Amino acid sequence: MDNNKKDSLHKTNHISVHKNVDAQAQLLKELKEYVSKYSDYETPFIKSDGDIIIALKKSVKKKRQTTQSLAEAVKFMMNESQAVRGKK
């Protein structure tokens, strides 16, 4: 490959990367605006590998976990109660 083609390819890749960074920044900006309408979610951010993360707030996660644990306990007690009634 001659030098002109290498330079041209390098410039094209550089422009492509620049457009990608601009698009990613615009996407993140729009996501932040959108997610701000939902109080259960943290502000979106971009990980070093390029993934965009929209995390549920810790307090909401904890509440969901508590609710799930309670539901499982009630289900267990109901199943045990049925087993005891079945033995009578």
PDB file of N, CA and C in Angstrom:
ATOM      1  N   MET A   1       0.860  -1.165   0.000  1.00  0.00           N
ATOM      2  CA  MET A   1       0.000   0.000   0.000  1.00  0.00           C
ATOM      3  C   MET A   1       0.910   1.233   0.000  1.00  0.00           C
ATOM      4  N   ASP A   2       0.653   2.185  -0.894  1.00  0.00           N
ATOM      5  CA  ASP A   2       1.512   3.362  -0.925  1.00  0.00           C
ATOM      6  C   ASP A   2       1.144   4.329   0.196  1.00  0.00           C
ATOM      7  N   ASN A   3       1.997   5.306   0.435  1.00  0.00           N
ATOM      8  CA  ASN A   3       1.816   6.229   1.560  1.00  0.00           C
ATOM      9  C   ASN A   3       0.527   7.037   1.463  1.00  0.00           C
ATOM     10  N   ASN A   4       0.124   7.409   0.245  1.00  0.00           N
ATOM     11  CA  ASN A   4      -1.111   8.184   0.095  1.00  0.00           C
ATOM     12  C   ASN A   4      -2.320   7.398   0.588  1.00  0.00           C
ATOM     13  N   LYS A   5      -2.347   6.108   0.257  1.00  0.00           N
ATOM     14  CA  LYS A   5      -3.470   5.274   0.703  1.00  0.00           C
ATOM     15  C   LYS A   5      -3.444   5.101   2.216  1.00  0.00           C
ATOM     16  N   LYS A   6      -2.245   4.909   2.792  1.00  0.00           N
ATOM     17  CA  LYS A   6      -2.128   4.775   4.238  1.00  0.00           C
ATOM     18  C   LYS A   6      -2.608   6.045   4.938  1.00  0.00           C
ATOM     19  N   ASP A   7      -2.169   7.198   4.450  1.00  0.00           N
ATOM     20  CA  ASP A   7      -2.590   8.474   5.043  1.00  0.00           C
ATOM     21  C   ASP A   7      -4.086   8.655   4.920  1.00  0.00           C
ATOM     22  N   SER A   8      -4.624   8.316   3.761  1.00  0.00           N
ATOM     23  CA  SER A   8      -6.060   8.453   3.531  1.00  0.00           C
ATOM     24  C   SER A   8      -6.843   7.547   4.477  1.00  0.00           C
ATOM     25  N   LEU A   9      -6.394   6.312   4.623  1.00  0.00           N
ATOM     26  CA  LEU A   9      -7.059   5.355   5.513  1.00  0.00           C
ATOM     27  C   LEU A   9      -6.973   5.835   6.950  1.00  0.00           C
ATOM     28  N   HIS A  10      -5.813   6.339   7.369  1.00  0.00           N
ATOM     29  CA  HIS A  10      -5.643   6.842   8.727  1.00  0.00           C
ATOM     30  C   HIS A  10      -6.588   8.018   8.986  1.00  0.00           C
ATOM     31  N   LYS A  11      -6.695   8.931   8.032  1.00  0.00           N
ATOM     32  CA  LYS A  11      -7.582  10.084   8.190  1.00  0.00           C
ATOM     33  C   LYS A  11      -9.030   9.627   8.269  1.00  0.00           C
ATOM     34  N   THR A  12      -9.387   8.660   7.435  1.00  0.00           N
ATOM     35  CA  THR A  12     -10.756   8.139   7.437  1.00  0.00           C
ATOM     36  C   THR A  12     -11.071   7.487   8.779  1.00  0.00           C
ATOM     37  N   ASN A  13     -10.158   6.675   9.299  1.00  0.00           N
ATOM     38  CA  ASN A  13     -10.366   6.037  10.597  1.00  0.00           C
ATOM     39  C   ASN A  13     -10.475   7.069  11.703  1.00  0.00           C
ATOM     40  N   HIS A  14      -9.635   8.096  11.644  1.00  0.00           N
ATOM     41  CA  HIS A  14      -9.660   9.150  12.655  1.00  0.00           C
ATOM     42  C   HIS A  14     -10.999   9.883  12.626  1.00  0.00           C
ATOM     43  N   ILE A  15     -11.494  10.180  11.451  1.00  0.00           N
ATOM     44  CA  ILE A  15     -12.787  10.866  11.316  1.00  0.00           C
ATOM     45  C   ILE A  15     -13.898   9.966  11.824  1.00  0.00           C
ATOM     46  N   SER A  16     -13.834   8.679  11.482  1.00  0.00           N
ATOM     47  CA  SER A  16     -14.845   7.720  11.919  1.00  0.00           C
ATOM     48  C   SER A  16     -14.874   7.608  13.443  1.00  0.00           C
ATOM     49  N   VAL A  17     -13.708   7.549  14.053  1.00  0.00           N
ATOM     50  CA  VAL A  17     -13.621   7.462  15.516  1.00  0.00           C
ATOM     51  C   VAL A  17     -14.182   8.734  16.134  1.00  0.00           C
ATOM     52  N   HIS A  18     -13.850   9.873  15.565  1.00  0.00           N
ATOM     53  CA  HIS A  18     -14.335  11.156  16.075  1.00  0.00           C
ATOM     54  C   HIS A  18     -15.872  11.226  15.995  1.00  0.00           C
ATOM     55  N   LYS A  19     -16.439  10.783  14.884  1.00  0.00           N
ATOM     56  CA  LYS A  19     -17.900  10.769  14.731  1.00  0.00           C
ATOM     57  C   LYS A  19     -18.532   9.828  15.757  1.00  0.00           C
ATOM     58  N   ASN A  20     -17.874   8.684  15.989  1.00  0.00           N
ATOM     59  CA  ASN A  20     -18.388   7.709  16.945  1.00  0.00           C
ATOM     60  C   ASN A  20     -18.393   8.289  18.355  1.00  0.00           C
ATOM     61  N   VAL A  21     -17.334   9.002  18.714  1.00  0.00           N
ATOM     62  CA  VAL A  21     -17.253   9.624  20.034  1.00  0.00           C
ATOM     63  C   VAL A  21     -18.333  10.689  20.166  1.00  0.00           C
ATOM     64  N   ASP A  22     -18.528  11.486  19.122  1.00  0.00           N
ATOM     65  CA  ASP A  22     -19.577  12.503  19.144  1.00  0.00           C
ATOM     66  C   ASP A  22     -20.959  11.868  19.288  1.00  0.00           C
ATOM     67  N   ALA A  23     -21.203  10.794  18.553  1.00  0.00           N
ATOM     68  CA  ALA A  23     -22.493  10.105  18.629  1.00  0.00           C
ATOM     69  C   ALA A  23     -22.708   9.519  20.017  1.00  0.00           C
ATOM     70  N   GLN A  24     -21.658   8.953  20.597  1.00  0.00           N
ATOM     71  CA  GLN A  24     -21.762   8.365  21.931  1.00  0.00           C
ATOM     72  C   GLN A  24     -22.045   9.451  22.972  1.00  0.00           C
ATOM     73  N   ALA A  25     -21.374  10.581  22.843  1.00  0.00           N
ATOM     74  CA  ALA A  25     -21.593  11.690  23.776  1.00  0.00           C
ATOM     75  C   ALA A  25     -23.019  12.217  23.652  1.00  0.00           C
ATOM     76  N   GLN A  26     -23.520  12.312  22.435  1.00  0.00           N
ATOM     77  CA  GLN A  26     -24.885  12.784  22.212  1.00  0.00           C
ATOM     78  C   GLN A  26     -25.893  11.787  22.786  1.00  0.00           C
ATOM     79  N   LEU A  27     -25.646  10.505  22.553  1.00  0.00           N
ATOM     80  CA  LEU A  27     -26.532   9.467  23.092  1.00  0.00           C
ATOM     81  C   LEU A  27     -26.570   9.536  24.615  1.00  0.00           C
ATOM     82  N   LEU A  28     -25.399   9.653  25.240  1.00  0.00           N
ATOM     83  CA  LEU A  28     -25.343   9.718  26.699  1.00  0.00           C
ATOM     84  C   LEU A  28     -26.087  10.947  27.210  1.00  0.00           C
ATOM     85  N   LYS A  29     -25.914  12.061  26.539  1.00  0.00           N
ATOM     86  CA  LYS A  29     -26.608  13.289  26.936  1.00  0.00           C
ATOM     87  C   LYS A  29     -28.131  13.088  26.883  1.00  0.00           C
ATOM     88  N   GLU A  30     -28.616  12.509  25.793  1.00  0.00           N
ATOM     89  CA  GLU A  30     -30.050  12.275  25.642  1.00  0.00           C
ATOM     90  C   GLU A  30     -30.561  11.256  26.663  1.00  0.00           C
ATOM     91  N   LEU A  31     -29.770  10.217  26.926  1.00  0.00           N
ATOM     92  CA  LEU A  31     -30.169   9.230  27.934  1.00  0.00           C
ATOM     93  C   LEU A  31     -30.276   9.863  29.316  1.00  0.00           C
ATOM     94  N   LYS A  32     -29.313  10.725  29.655  1.00  0.00           N
ATOM     95  CA  LYS A  32     -29.354  11.400  30.955  1.00  0.00           C
ATOM     96  C   LYS A  32     -30.614  12.235  31.090  1.00  0.00           C
ATOM     97  N   GLU A  33     -30.979  12.943  30.027  1.00  0.00           N
ATOM     98  CA  GLU A  33     -32.197  13.759  30.059  1.00  0.00           C
ATOM     99  C   GLU A  33     -33.429  12.866  30.247  1.00  0.00           C
ATOM    100  N   TYR A  34     -33.464  11.772  29.522  1.00  0.00           N
ATOM    101  CA  TYR A  34     -34.611  10.865  29.580  1.00  0.00           C
ATOM    102  C   TYR A  34     -34.710  10.177  30.941  1.00  0.00           C
ATOM    103  N   VAL A  35     -33.596   9.631  31.425  1.00  0.00           N
ATOM    104  CA  VAL A  35     -33.592   8.885  32.687  1.00  0.00           C
ATOM    105  C   VAL A  35     -33.885   9.792  33.874  1.00  0.00           C
ATOM    106  N   SER A  36     -33.559  11.067  33.753  1.00  0.00           N
ATOM    107  CA  SER A  36     -33.811  11.998  34.866  1.00  0.00           C
ATOM    108  C   SER A  36     -35.296  12.089  35.203  1.00  0.00           C
ATOM    109  N   LYS A  37     -36.160  11.660  34.309  1.00  0.00           N
ATOM    110  CA  LYS A  37     -37.607  11.666  34.543  1.00  0.00           C
ATOM    111  C   LYS A  37     -38.050  10.517  35.451  1.00  0.00           C
ATOM    112  N   TYR A  38     -37.151   9.553  35.668  1.00  0.00           N
ATOM    113  CA  TYR A  38     -37.470   8.355  36.443  1.00  0.00           C
ATOM    114  C   TYR A  38     -36.602   8.321  37.696  1.00  0.00           C
ATOM    115  N   SER A  39     -37.204   8.563  38.824  1.00  0.00           N
ATOM    116  CA  SER A  39     -36.454   8.727  40.073  1.00  0.00           C
ATOM    117  C   SER A  39     -35.824   7.434  40.607  1.00  0.00           C
ATOM    118  N   ASP A  40     -36.230   6.291  40.101  1.00  0.00           N
ATOM    119  CA  ASP A  40     -35.693   5.022  40.589  1.00  0.00           C
ATOM    120  C   ASP A  40     -34.328   4.667  39.990  1.00  0.00           C
ATOM    121  N   TYR A  41     -33.851   5.471  39.040  1.00  0.00           N
ATOM    122  CA  TYR A  41     -32.621   5.140  38.330  1.00  0.00           C
ATOM    123  C   TYR A  41     -31.518   6.160  38.556  1.00  0.00           C
ATOM    124  N   GLU A  42     -30.283   5.652  38.592  1.00  0.00           N
ATOM    125  CA  GLU A  42     -29.096   6.493  38.709  1.00  0.00           C
ATOM    126  C   GLU A  42     -28.820   7.166  37.360  1.00  0.00           C
ATOM    127  N   THR A  43     -27.941   8.151  37.369  1.00  0.00           N
ATOM    128  CA  THR A  43     -27.533   8.813  36.139  1.00  0.00           C
ATOM    129  C   THR A  43     -26.730   7.829  35.282  1.00  0.00           C
ATOM    130  N   PRO A  44     -27.062   7.710  34.002  1.00  0.00           N
ATOM    131  CA  PRO A  44     -26.324   6.795  33.127  1.00  0.00           C
ATOM    132  C   PRO A  44     -24.848   7.197  33.013  1.00  0.00           C
ATOM    133  N   PHE A  45     -23.996   6.192  32.781  1.00  0.00           N
ATOM    134  CA  PHE A  45     -22.579   6.459  32.550  1.00  0.00           C
ATOM    135  C   PHE A  45     -22.026   5.417  31.588  1.00  0.00           C
ATOM    136  N   ILE A  46     -20.861   5.723  31.027  1.00  0.00           N
ATOM    137  CA  ILE A  46     -20.221   4.829  30.076  1.00  0.00           C
ATOM    138  C   ILE A  46     -19.034   4.151  30.752  1.00  0.00           C
ATOM    139  N   LYS A  47     -19.010   2.822  30.701  1.00  0.00           N
ATOM    140  CA  LYS A  47     -17.875   2.065  31.234  1.00  0.00           C
ATOM    141  C   LYS A  47     -16.705   2.169  30.259  1.00  0.00           C
ATOM    142  N   SER A  48     -15.535   1.779  30.716  1.00  0.00           N
ATOM    143  CA  SER A  48     -14.335   1.871  29.875  1.00  0.00           C
ATOM    144  C   SER A  48     -14.426   0.998  28.625  1.00  0.00           C
ATOM    145  N   ASP A  49     -15.264  -0.051  28.656  1.00  0.00           N
ATOM    146  CA  ASP A  49     -15.405  -0.906  27.479  1.00  0.00           C
ATOM    147  C   ASP A  49     -16.474  -0.407  26.506  1.00  0.00           C
ATOM    148  N   GLY A  50     -17.097   0.737  26.845  1.00  0.00           N
ATOM    149  CA  GLY A  50     -18.076   1.334  25.942  1.00  0.00           C
ATOM    150  C   GLY A  50     -19.522   1.021  26.291  1.00  0.00           C
ATOM    151  N   ASP A  51     -19.752   0.116  27.236  1.00  0.00           N
ATOM    152  CA  ASP A  51     -21.126  -0.194  27.636  1.00  0.00           C
ATOM    153  C   ASP A  51     -21.728   0.988  28.384  1.00  0.00           C
ATOM    154  N   ILE A  52     -22.990   1.237  28.128  1.00  0.00           N
ATOM    155  CA  ILE A  52     -23.709   2.291  28.843  1.00  0.00           C
ATOM    156  C   ILE A  52     -24.510   1.626  29.956  1.00  0.00           C
ATOM    157  N   ILE A  53     -24.352   2.132  31.166  1.00  0.00           N
ATOM    158  CA  ILE A  53     -24.991   1.548  32.342  1.00  0.00           C
ATOM    159  C   ILE A  53     -26.061   2.503  32.868  1.00  0.00           C
ATOM    160  N   ILE A  54     -27.266   1.964  33.066  1.00  0.00           N
ATOM    161  CA  ILE A  54     -28.345   2.699  33.728  1.00  0.00           C
ATOM    162  C   ILE A  54     -28.751   1.836  34.917  1.00  0.00           C
ATOM    163  N   ALA A  55     -28.218   2.175  36.065  1.00  0.00           N
ATOM    164  CA  ALA A  55     -28.410   1.345  37.258  1.00  0.00           C
ATOM    165  C   ALA A  55     -29.646   1.759  38.045  1.00  0.00           C
ATOM    166  N   LEU A  56     -30.264   0.771  38.638  1.00  0.00           N
ATOM    167  CA  LEU A  56     -31.362   1.004  39.561  1.00  0.00           C
ATOM    168  C   LEU A  56     -30.764   1.516  40.868  1.00  0.00           C
ATOM    169  N   LYS A  57     -31.408   2.471  41.508  1.00  0.00           N
ATOM    170  CA  LYS A  57     -30.883   3.020  42.762  1.00  0.00           C
ATOM    171  C   LYS A  57     -30.823   1.922  43.821  1.00  0.00           C
ATOM    172  N   LYS A  58     -29.809   2.001  44.688  1.00  0.00           N
ATOM    173  CA  LYS A  58     -29.603   0.971  45.715  1.00  0.00           C
ATOM    174  C   LYS A  58     -30.811   0.817  46.632  1.00  0.00           C
ATOM    175  N   SER A  59     -31.452   1.930  46.977  1.00  0.00           N
ATOM    176  CA  SER A  59     -32.612   1.847  47.874  1.00  0.00           C
ATOM    177  C   SER A  59     -33.758   1.065  47.220  1.00  0.00           C
ATOM    178  N   VAL A  60     -33.923   1.223  45.925  1.00  0.00           N
ATOM    179  CA  VAL A  60     -34.980   0.495  45.212  1.00  0.00           C
ATOM    180  C   VAL A  60     -34.622  -0.986  45.135  1.00  0.00           C
ATOM    181  N   LYS A  61     -33.347  -1.276  44.870  1.00  0.00           N
ATOM    182  CA  LYS A  61     -32.908  -2.675  44.830  1.00  0.00           C
ATOM    183  C   LYS A  61     -33.140  -3.349  46.173  1.00  0.00           C
ATOM    184  N   LYS A  62     -32.807  -2.635  47.246  1.00  0.00           N
ATOM    185  CA  LYS A  62     -32.956  -3.200  48.594  1.00  0.00           C
ATOM    186  C   LYS A  62     -34.434  -3.452  48.896  1.00  0.00           C
ATOM    187  N   LYS A  63     -35.295  -2.523  48.513  1.00  0.00           N
ATOM    188  CA  LYS A  63     -36.728  -2.685  48.750  1.00  0.00           C
ATOM    189  C   LYS A  63     -37.258  -3.892  47.979  1.00  0.00           C
ATOM    190  N   ARG A  64     -36.820  -4.038  46.729  1.00  0.00           N
ATOM    191  CA  ARG A  64     -37.249  -5.183  45.924  1.00  0.00           C
ATOM    192  C   ARG A  64     -36.771  -6.490  46.539  1.00  0.00           C
ATOM    193  N   GLN A  65     -35.539  -6.492  47.037  1.00  0.00           N
ATOM    194  CA  GLN A  65     -34.989  -7.692  47.658  1.00  0.00           C
ATOM    195  C   GLN A  65     -35.774  -8.052  48.919  1.00  0.00           C
ATOM    196  N   THR A  66     -36.112  -7.049  49.712  1.00  0.00           N
ATOM    197  CA  THR A  66     -36.885  -7.270  50.930  1.00  0.00           C
ATOM    198  C   THR A  66     -38.263  -7.838  50.591  1.00  0.00           C
ATOM    199  N   THR A  67     -38.891  -7.245  49.584  1.00  0.00           N
ATOM    200  CA  THR A  67     -40.214  -7.714  49.152  1.00  0.00           C
ATOM    201  C   THR A  67     -40.139  -9.157  48.664  1.00  0.00           C
ATOM    202  N   GLN A  68     -39.104  -9.483  47.890  1.00  0.00           N
ATOM    203  CA  GLN A  68     -38.934 -10.838  47.379  1.00  0.00           C
ATOM    204  C   GLN A  68     -38.705 -11.829  48.520  1.00  0.00           C
ATOM    205  N   SER A  69     -37.901 -11.430  49.482  1.00  0.00           N
ATOM    206  CA  SER A  69     -37.631 -12.308  50.632  1.00  0.00           C
ATOM    207  C   SER A  69     -38.912 -12.565  51.424  1.00  0.00           C
ATOM    208  N   LEU A  70     -39.702 -11.528  51.629  1.00  0.00           N
ATOM    209  CA  LEU A  70     -40.974 -11.674  52.341  1.00  0.00           C
ATOM    210  C   LEU A  70     -41.911 -12.609  51.581  1.00  0.00           C
ATOM    211  N   ALA A  71     -41.992 -12.428  50.264  1.00  0.00           N
ATOM    212  CA  ALA A  71     -42.856 -13.291  49.448  1.00  0.00           C
ATOM    213  C   ALA A  71     -42.417 -14.746  49.537  1.00  0.00           C
ATOM    214  N   GLU A  72     -41.115 -14.980  49.513  1.00  0.00           N
ATOM    215  CA  GLU A  72     -40.604 -16.351  49.620  1.00  0.00           C
ATOM    216  C   GLU A  72     -40.905 -16.954  50.991  1.00  0.00           C
ATOM    217  N   ALA A  73     -40.815 -16.143  52.046  1.00  0.00           N
ATOM    218  CA  ALA A  73     -41.110 -16.631  53.396  1.00  0.00           C
ATOM    219  C   ALA A  73     -42.584 -17.001  53.522  1.00  0.00           C
ATOM    220  N   VAL A  74     -43.457 -16.168  52.992  1.00  0.00           N
ATOM    221  CA  VAL A  74     -44.900 -16.452  53.049  1.00  0.00           C
ATOM    222  C   VAL A  74     -45.215 -17.715  52.252  1.00  0.00           C
ATOM    223  N   LYS A  75     -44.610 -17.831  51.081  1.00  0.00           N
ATOM    224  CA  LYS A  75     -44.832 -19.027  50.254  1.00  0.00           C
ATOM    225  C   LYS A  75     -44.376 -20.280  50.995  1.00  0.00           C
ATOM    226  N   PHE A  76     -43.221 -20.208  51.636  1.00  0.00           N
ATOM    227  CA  PHE A  76     -42.702 -21.344  52.400  1.00  0.00           C
ATOM    228  C   PHE A  76     -43.667 -21.718  53.528  1.00  0.00           C
ATOM    229  N   MET A  77     -44.141 -20.709  54.274  1.00  0.00           N
ATOM    230  CA  MET A  77     -45.061 -20.984  55.388  1.00  0.00           C
ATOM    231  C   MET A  77     -46.369 -21.591  54.887  1.00  0.00           C
ATOM    232  N   MET A  78     -46.854 -21.116  53.750  1.00  0.00           N
ATOM    233  CA  MET A  78     -48.103 -21.658  53.202  1.00  0.00           C
ATOM    234  C   MET A  78     -47.902 -23.106  52.761  1.00  0.00           C
ATOM    235  N   ASN A  79     -46.770 -23.391  52.144  1.00  0.00           N
ATOM    236  CA  ASN A  79     -46.486 -24.774  51.734  1.00  0.00           C
ATOM    237  C   ASN A  79     -46.361 -25.695  52.942  1.00  0.00           C
ATOM    238  N   GLU A  80     -45.712 -25.228  53.989  1.00  0.00           N
ATOM    239  CA  GLU A  80     -45.577 -26.018  55.215  1.00  0.00           C
ATOM    240  C   GLU A  80     -46.949 -26.251  55.857  1.00  0.00           C
ATOM    241  N   SER A  81     -47.768 -25.226  55.835  1.00  0.00           N
ATOM    242  CA  SER A  81     -49.098 -25.332  56.420  1.00  0.00           C
ATOM    243  C   SER A  81     -49.928 -26.368  55.655  1.00  0.00           C
ATOM    244  N   GLN A  82     -49.826 -26.363  54.339  1.00  0.00           N
ATOM    245  CA  GLN A  82     -50.556 -27.342  53.524  1.00  0.00           C
ATOM    246  C   GLN A  82     -50.057 -28.750  53.828  1.00  0.00           C
ATOM    247  N   ALA A  83     -48.761 -28.895  53.998  1.00  0.00           N
ATOM    248  CA  ALA A  83     -48.198 -30.228  54.289  1.00  0.00           C
ATOM    249  C   ALA A  83     -48.703 -30.736  55.627  1.00  0.00           C
ATOM    250  N   VAL A  84     -48.822 -29.860  56.626  1.00  0.00           N
ATOM    251  CA  VAL A  84     -49.317 -30.258  57.944  1.00  0.00           C
ATOM    252  C   VAL A  84     -50.780 -30.626  57.852  1.00  0.00           C
ATOM    253  N   ARG A  85     -51.569 -29.841  57.108  1.00  0.00           N
ATOM    254  CA  ARG A  85     -53.006 -30.151  56.951  1.00  0.00           C
ATOM    255  C   ARG A  85     -53.210 -31.456  56.209  1.00  0.00           C
ATOM    256  N   GLY A  86     -52.348 -31.749  55.271  1.00  0.00           N
ATOM    257  CA  GLY A  86     -52.453 -32.967  54.484  1.00  0.00           C
ATOM    258  C   GLY A  86     -52.183 -34.221  55.314  1.00  0.00           C
ATOM    259  N   LYS A  87     -51.408 -34.090  56.361  1.00  0.00           N
ATOM    260  CA  LYS A  87     -51.070 -35.232  57.226  1.00  0.00           C
ATOM    261  C   LYS A  87     -52.202 -35.577  58.190  1.00  0.00           C
ATOM    262  N   LYS A  88     -53.109 -34.655  58.435  1.00  0.00           N
ATOM    263  CA  LYS A  88     -54.200 -34.902  59.396  1.00  0.00           C
ATOM    264  C   LYS A  88     -55.229 -35.834  58.869  1.00  0.00           C
TER     265      LYS A  88
END
